[in-house]
């Protein structure tokens, strides 16, 4: 079976559904596949989902120390085509955001394969096996090859993901608990592909870049509140509950790029026990909050994709509910917030 990354919260020993490998150390390489299911391809997709763990093992066996893992996510439209019975409570299409200056588009996506390892060849081989099994039943609509950049920095030159929770705190942030007991141990993931305007970014002095991000560039230290602008990336991505406790997600972002195409970007991927936390961050970024009209990073980084997926437990993937007997074949879509 797929490896789990830790126990889901609020469960006694022996009763916790096995979670997919979400919380892992930063990877050196990652491959992201977003796939739409073709009309009539549901049975082929269901068969593949039940074999993902075996395919991963077959590739990982060749290089055990390289830590090959895979997380599978399923979109809202696809869920109704693939499975009968209850739905995850918070599963819905990605909510498009249109702010005064910036736009977060929703784009088609029925399945997400998030493949990680210490070597890209393992990621590529596993993704190739997935694509071969899906031939004629599904279409890859987006493929991104991510890589580690120096000391976990993005292409803007800043450390990315340093505020990720760890250990039990990460598990509690990521895995569904008793609030949706039918899907306890599962998770949600939102992905966006951001393209950077490196020419404009590089023209900014380092001190101004730090005010955009809200952290120092070299030392990776968060700016003091009296210095950190309200429209900085860090400020607008700090979310608290009614008691003042910070609500967290686990980011597994990766840089990507193409010299020939002049493409330099960050693949944002955020896991959480409810998508509402990540959606609150995105609303702040694109619609603004209080004195901040939008996240300043959006003046240099533009999202070109946006999808939301549920991440089922291993038990669900290994033994899924029956397919709906009269499943239709709607075009994958999204909703506008």
Foldseek 3Di string as FASTA:
>chain_A
DAAACDFAPPDDPPPTFGAHHDDDPFFQKKKKWFKFWDVPLQVLVLVVLLCLVVLLCVLCVVPVVFDKGKFKFFADLSPQQHFDDDDFPQGAKFAWDAAPPATADADFGGMMIIIGTNDVVSNVVSVVVVCVSCVPTMDGPDMFMFGQDPPCDAPLQAHPQPPQDDDPVQSNFFFADPVRPVQGNKWKKKKWKKWFPVVVSVVDDQVVVCLLAQARRPVRHGDDPVRRDCQHLVNLLFDADPVRHTRDWGWNKGWGADPVVRTTIIITMTMGNHCVSVVSSVCCARPNDVPHRHRSCCVTMHTDYMTMTMGGGSVCSNPPHGGPPDRDDDDGDGHHD
